[in-house]
């Protein structure tokens, strides 16, 4: 089964011919050259491909996208605010190696115990938050210099020392 990674969101329509603006967290300027399609999660774990007609860079974090069969402003508005996903192989190709989003899929480990897999990376001004699930409950783990002990890219692990009582707040 293909694993998908969230790269951003279609924030708004642009112009009258169905273009959209994709705000992404890939960590570098990109026009997604060579990418055939983006995916939108219609229902939980059900990803629908939208084929790319054209894509061009707007700025460091945004891309103008024209999707196949989205030819009016109204059709584009229906897709605005939808999250955009890429299959793992494409995600690795287009994300910056130093971008926090590359931590997706890594395990959060504390005291040699795996707490959970990073499902989402939320960038904030002073820290990163990683969303994991423990016992079907959403848990947000802050990642900054005080909590990260080590990032092991080979083992795909982020070793942390969490503030006392943090997990109890969620569980």
C-alpha atoms as a PDB file:
ATOM      1  CA  UNK A   1       0.000   0.000   0.000  1.00  0.00           C
ATOM      2  CA  UNK A   2       1.320   3.421  -0.949  1.00  0.00           C
ATOM      3  CA  UNK A   3       2.007   5.792   1.932  1.00  0.00           C
ATOM      4  CA  UNK A   4       0.992   9.430   1.400  1.00  0.00           C
ATOM      5  CA  UNK A   5       2.506  12.522   2.994  1.00  0.00           C
ATOM      6  CA  UNK A   6       0.728  15.854   3.423  1.00  0.00           C
ATOM      7  CA  UNK A   7       2.726  18.636   1.789  1.00  0.00           C
ATOM      8  CA  UNK A   8       0.369  21.585   2.192  1.00  0.00           C
ATOM      9  CA  UNK A   9      -2.977  23.040   1.278  1.00  0.00           C
ATOM     10  CA  UNK A  10      -4.745  24.608  -1.693  1.00  0.00           C
ATOM     11  CA  UNK A  11      -5.328  28.008  -0.104  1.00  0.00           C
ATOM     12  CA  UNK A  12      -7.356  29.861  -2.739  1.00  0.00           C
ATOM     13  CA  UNK A  13      -8.311  30.112  -6.374  1.00  0.00           C
ATOM     14  CA  UNK A  14      -6.402  32.472  -8.662  1.00  0.00           C
ATOM     15  CA  UNK A  15      -7.790  34.173 -11.746  1.00  0.00           C
ATOM     16  CA  UNK A  16     -10.789  33.055 -13.790  1.00  0.00           C
ATOM     17  CA  UNK A  17      -9.466  29.928 -15.522  1.00  0.00           C
ATOM     18  CA  UNK A  18      -9.393  27.556 -12.540  1.00  0.00           C
ATOM     19  CA  UNK A  19      -5.866  28.110 -11.242  1.00  0.00           C
ATOM     20  CA  UNK A  20      -5.178  27.461  -7.566  1.00  0.00           C
ATOM     21  CA  UNK A  21      -2.482  28.510  -5.142  1.00  0.00           C
ATOM     22  CA  UNK A  22      -0.804  25.649  -3.282  1.00  0.00           C
ATOM     23  CA  UNK A  23       0.912  26.650  -0.025  1.00  0.00           C
ATOM     24  CA  UNK A  24       3.475  23.908   0.656  1.00  0.00           C
ATOM     25  CA  UNK A  25       5.966  22.895   3.363  1.00  0.00           C
ATOM     26  CA  UNK A  26       8.551  21.293   1.080  1.00  0.00           C
ATOM     27  CA  UNK A  27      11.313  23.581   2.344  1.00  0.00           C
ATOM     28  CA  UNK A  28      12.474  24.852  -1.039  1.00  0.00           C
ATOM     29  CA  UNK A  29      11.246  26.700  -4.112  1.00  0.00           C
ATOM     30  CA  UNK A  30       9.779  24.237  -6.569  1.00  0.00           C
ATOM     31  CA  UNK A  31       7.454  24.136  -9.558  1.00  0.00           C
ATOM     32  CA  UNK A  32       6.932  20.379  -9.025  1.00  0.00           C
ATOM     33  CA  UNK A  33       8.516  19.777 -12.436  1.00  0.00           C
ATOM     34  CA  UNK A  34       7.814  16.231 -13.588  1.00  0.00           C
ATOM     35  CA  UNK A  35       5.111  15.570 -10.993  1.00  0.00           C
ATOM     36  CA  UNK A  36       2.093  14.094 -12.825  1.00  0.00           C
ATOM     37  CA  UNK A  37      -0.520  14.567 -10.085  1.00  0.00           C
ATOM     38  CA  UNK A  38      -1.296  15.767  -6.591  1.00  0.00           C
ATOM     39  CA  UNK A  39      -3.658  13.857  -4.324  1.00  0.00           C
ATOM     40  CA  UNK A  40      -6.563  15.110  -2.246  1.00  0.00           C
ATOM     41  CA  UNK A  41      -7.967  13.022   0.584  1.00  0.00           C
ATOM     42  CA  UNK A  42     -11.708  12.881  -0.119  1.00  0.00           C
ATOM     43  CA  UNK A  43     -12.378  10.481   2.772  1.00  0.00           C
ATOM     44  CA  UNK A  44     -10.043   9.032   5.391  1.00  0.00           C
ATOM     45  CA  UNK A  45      -7.323   7.069   3.540  1.00  0.00           C
ATOM     46  CA  UNK A  46      -9.023   7.594   0.155  1.00  0.00           C
ATOM     47  CA  UNK A  47      -6.762   9.708  -2.059  1.00  0.00           C
ATOM     48  CA  UNK A  48      -8.040  11.073  -5.380  1.00  0.00           C
ATOM     49  CA  UNK A  49      -5.460  12.120  -8.009  1.00  0.00           C
ATOM     50  CA  UNK A  50      -5.740  15.520  -9.649  1.00  0.00           C
ATOM     51  CA  UNK A  51      -3.517  15.728 -12.717  1.00  0.00           C
ATOM     52  CA  UNK A  52      -1.335  18.808 -13.130  1.00  0.00           C
ATOM     53  CA  UNK A  53      -1.615  20.770 -16.386  1.00  0.00           C
ATOM     54  CA  UNK A  54       0.799  23.519 -15.384  1.00  0.00           C
ATOM     55  CA  UNK A  55       2.640  24.601 -12.266  1.00  0.00           C
ATOM     56  CA  UNK A  56       4.803  27.644 -11.681  1.00  0.00           C
ATOM     57  CA  UNK A  57       6.553  29.119  -8.673  1.00  0.00           C
ATOM     58  CA  UNK A  58       4.871  32.026  -6.910  1.00  0.00           C
ATOM     59  CA  UNK A  59       7.367  32.301  -4.039  1.00  0.00           C
ATOM     60  CA  UNK A  60       9.361  30.189  -1.551  1.00  0.00           C
ATOM     61  CA  UNK A  61       6.235  28.472  -0.164  1.00  0.00           C
ATOM     62  CA  UNK A  62       3.600  28.851  -2.877  1.00  0.00           C
ATOM     63  CA  UNK A  63       2.921  27.474  -6.349  1.00  0.00           C
ATOM     64  CA  UNK A  64       0.329  28.426  -8.963  1.00  0.00           C
ATOM     65  CA  UNK A  65      -1.332  25.162 -10.050  1.00  0.00           C
ATOM     66  CA  UNK A  66      -3.613  24.486 -12.989  1.00  0.00           C
ATOM     67  CA  UNK A  67      -5.282  21.103 -12.636  1.00  0.00           C
ATOM     68  CA  UNK A  68      -6.793  19.089 -15.461  1.00  0.00           C
ATOM     69  CA  UNK A  69     -10.606  19.527 -15.772  1.00  0.00           C
ATOM     70  CA  UNK A  70     -10.632  22.445 -13.294  1.00  0.00           C
ATOM     71  CA  UNK A  71     -11.368  25.196 -15.800  1.00  0.00           C
ATOM     72  CA  UNK A  72     -13.433  27.783 -13.922  1.00  0.00           C
ATOM     73  CA  UNK A  73     -12.995  29.888 -10.837  1.00  0.00           C
ATOM     74  CA  UNK A  74     -16.019  28.121  -9.313  1.00  0.00           C
ATOM     75  CA  UNK A  75     -14.480  24.663  -9.819  1.00  0.00           C
ATOM     76  CA  UNK A  76     -11.239  25.890  -8.241  1.00  0.00           C
ATOM     77  CA  UNK A  77     -13.062  27.359  -5.229  1.00  0.00           C
ATOM     78  CA  UNK A  78     -14.505  23.894  -4.480  1.00  0.00           C
ATOM     79  CA  UNK A  79     -10.931  22.605  -4.028  1.00  0.00           C
ATOM     80  CA  UNK A  80      -9.738  25.586  -1.950  1.00  0.00           C
ATOM     81  CA  UNK A  81      -8.789  24.724   1.649  1.00  0.00           C
ATOM     82  CA  UNK A  82      -8.245  21.041   0.751  1.00  0.00           C
ATOM     83  CA  UNK A  83      -5.041  19.405   1.948  1.00  0.00           C
ATOM     84  CA  UNK A  84      -2.604  18.152  -0.692  1.00  0.00           C
ATOM     85  CA  UNK A  85      -0.769  14.841  -0.415  1.00  0.00           C
ATOM     86  CA  UNK A  86       2.002  13.118  -2.381  1.00  0.00           C
ATOM     87  CA  UNK A  87       2.985   9.453  -2.526  1.00  0.00           C
ATOM     88  CA  UNK A  88       6.135   8.730  -0.507  1.00  0.00           C
ATOM     89  CA  UNK A  89       8.427   8.401  -3.557  1.00  0.00           C
ATOM     90  CA  UNK A  90       7.354  11.778  -5.007  1.00  0.00           C
ATOM     91  CA  UNK A  91       7.454  13.399  -1.561  1.00  0.00           C
ATOM     92  CA  UNK A  92      11.105  12.407  -1.136  1.00  0.00           C
ATOM     93  CA  UNK A  93      11.935  13.755  -4.589  1.00  0.00           C
ATOM     94  CA  UNK A  94      10.434  17.223  -4.030  1.00  0.00           C
ATOM     95  CA  UNK A  95      11.087  17.953  -0.335  1.00  0.00           C
ATOM     96  CA  UNK A  96      14.266  19.615   0.878  1.00  0.00           C
ATOM     97  CA  UNK A  97      16.490  17.238   2.858  1.00  0.00           C
ATOM     98  CA  UNK A  98      16.743  19.833   5.654  1.00  0.00           C
ATOM     99  CA  UNK A  99      13.031  20.642   5.749  1.00  0.00           C
ATOM    100  CA  UNK A 100      11.166  19.671   8.940  1.00  0.00           C
ATOM    101  CA  UNK A 101       8.532  17.938   6.765  1.00  0.00           C
ATOM    102  CA  UNK A 102      11.090  15.197   6.046  1.00  0.00           C
ATOM    103  CA  UNK A 103      10.497  13.954   9.618  1.00  0.00           C
ATOM    104  CA  UNK A 104       7.119  12.576   8.513  1.00  0.00           C
ATOM    105  CA  UNK A 105       7.044   8.844   9.118  1.00  0.00           C
ATOM    106  CA  UNK A 106       9.835   8.960  11.715  1.00  0.00           C
ATOM    107  CA  UNK A 107       9.217   7.400  15.145  1.00  0.00           C
ATOM    108  CA  UNK A 108       9.236   9.591  18.257  1.00  0.00           C
ATOM    109  CA  UNK A 109      11.296   7.748  20.898  1.00  0.00           C
ATOM    110  CA  UNK A 110      11.642   8.549  24.602  1.00  0.00           C
ATOM    111  CA  UNK A 111      13.646   6.372  27.022  1.00  0.00           C
ATOM    112  CA  UNK A 112      14.141   3.738  24.262  1.00  0.00           C
ATOM    113  CA  UNK A 113      10.344   3.406  23.954  1.00  0.00           C
ATOM    114  CA  UNK A 114       8.608   4.244  20.647  1.00  0.00           C
ATOM    115  CA  UNK A 115       5.755   6.661  21.405  1.00  0.00           C
ATOM    116  CA  UNK A 116       4.390   6.792  17.851  1.00  0.00           C
ATOM    117  CA  UNK A 117       4.993   7.637  14.208  1.00  0.00           C
ATOM    118  CA  UNK A 118       5.036  11.314  13.137  1.00  0.00           C
ATOM    119  CA  UNK A 119       1.810  11.801  11.168  1.00  0.00           C
ATOM    120  CA  UNK A 120       2.024  15.557  10.678  1.00  0.00           C
ATOM    121  CA  UNK A 121       4.588  18.328  11.177  1.00  0.00           C
ATOM    122  CA  UNK A 122       3.149  21.685  12.241  1.00  0.00           C
ATOM    123  CA  UNK A 123       5.578  24.575  11.870  1.00  0.00           C
ATOM    124  CA  UNK A 124       5.233  27.417  14.373  1.00  0.00           C
ATOM    125  CA  UNK A 125       7.464  30.477  14.873  1.00  0.00           C
ATOM    126  CA  UNK A 126       9.482  29.121  17.837  1.00  0.00           C
ATOM    127  CA  UNK A 127       9.051  25.361  17.560  1.00  0.00           C
ATOM    128  CA  UNK A 128       7.801  22.451  15.541  1.00  0.00           C
ATOM    129  CA  UNK A 129       4.888  20.356  16.704  1.00  0.00           C
ATOM    130  CA  UNK A 130       4.683  16.742  15.616  1.00  0.00           C
ATOM    131  CA  UNK A 131       1.317  15.027  15.644  1.00  0.00           C
ATOM    132  CA  UNK A 132       1.388  11.384  16.686  1.00  0.00           C
ATOM    133  CA  UNK A 133      -1.275   8.992  17.929  1.00  0.00           C
ATOM    134  CA  UNK A 134      -1.076   7.064  21.182  1.00  0.00           C
ATOM    135  CA  UNK A 135      -3.976   4.703  21.984  1.00  0.00           C
ATOM    136  CA  UNK A 136      -6.087   6.334  19.218  1.00  0.00           C
ATOM    137  CA  UNK A 137      -5.613   9.756  20.856  1.00  0.00           C
ATOM    138  CA  UNK A 138      -3.958  12.684  19.093  1.00  0.00           C
ATOM    139  CA  UNK A 139      -0.795  13.883  20.857  1.00  0.00           C
ATOM    140  CA  UNK A 140       1.238  16.970  19.896  1.00  0.00           C
ATOM    141  CA  UNK A 141       4.953  16.686  20.660  1.00  0.00           C
ATOM    142  CA  UNK A 142       6.979  19.935  20.685  1.00  0.00           C
ATOM    143  CA  UNK A 143      10.324  19.681  18.925  1.00  0.00           C
ATOM    144  CA  UNK A 144      12.942  22.280  19.777  1.00  0.00           C
ATOM    145  CA  UNK A 145      16.452  22.364  21.200  1.00  0.00           C
ATOM    146  CA  UNK A 146      15.244  21.512  24.733  1.00  0.00           C
ATOM    147  CA  UNK A 147      13.304  18.372  23.737  1.00  0.00           C
ATOM    148  CA  UNK A 148      15.339  16.856  20.877  1.00  0.00           C
ATOM    149  CA  UNK A 149      18.237  14.683  21.999  1.00  0.00           C
ATOM    150  CA  UNK A 150      19.050  13.218  18.581  1.00  0.00           C
ATOM    151  CA  UNK A 151      17.630  12.749  15.082  1.00  0.00           C
ATOM    152  CA  UNK A 152      18.666   9.385  13.644  1.00  0.00           C
ATOM    153  CA  UNK A 153      17.899   9.568   9.919  1.00  0.00           C
ATOM    154  CA  UNK A 154      19.089   5.993   9.260  1.00  0.00           C
ATOM    155  CA  UNK A 155      16.800   4.489  11.905  1.00  0.00           C
ATOM    156  CA  UNK A 156      14.087   7.088  11.105  1.00  0.00           C
ATOM    157  CA  UNK A 157      13.834   8.102  14.763  1.00  0.00           C
ATOM    158  CA  UNK A 158      13.597  11.364  16.675  1.00  0.00           C
ATOM    159  CA  UNK A 159      14.872  10.741  20.201  1.00  0.00           C
ATOM    160  CA  UNK A 160      13.314  13.174  22.661  1.00  0.00           C
ATOM    161  CA  UNK A 161      13.187  14.059  26.325  1.00  0.00           C
ATOM    162  CA  UNK A 162       9.712  15.446  26.952  1.00  0.00           C
ATOM    163  CA  UNK A 163       8.661  17.803  29.739  1.00  0.00           C
ATOM    164  CA  UNK A 164       7.266  15.931  32.724  1.00  0.00           C
ATOM    165  CA  UNK A 165       3.508  15.417  32.501  1.00  0.00           C
ATOM    166  CA  UNK A 166       3.183  16.321  28.798  1.00  0.00           C
ATOM    167  CA  UNK A 167       1.840  12.931  27.698  1.00  0.00           C
ATOM    168  CA  UNK A 168      -0.552  12.759  30.664  1.00  0.00           C
ATOM    169  CA  UNK A 169      -2.273  15.932  29.379  1.00  0.00           C
ATOM    170  CA  UNK A 170      -3.332  14.009  26.255  1.00  0.00           C
ATOM    171  CA  UNK A 171      -3.873  10.566  27.739  1.00  0.00           C
END
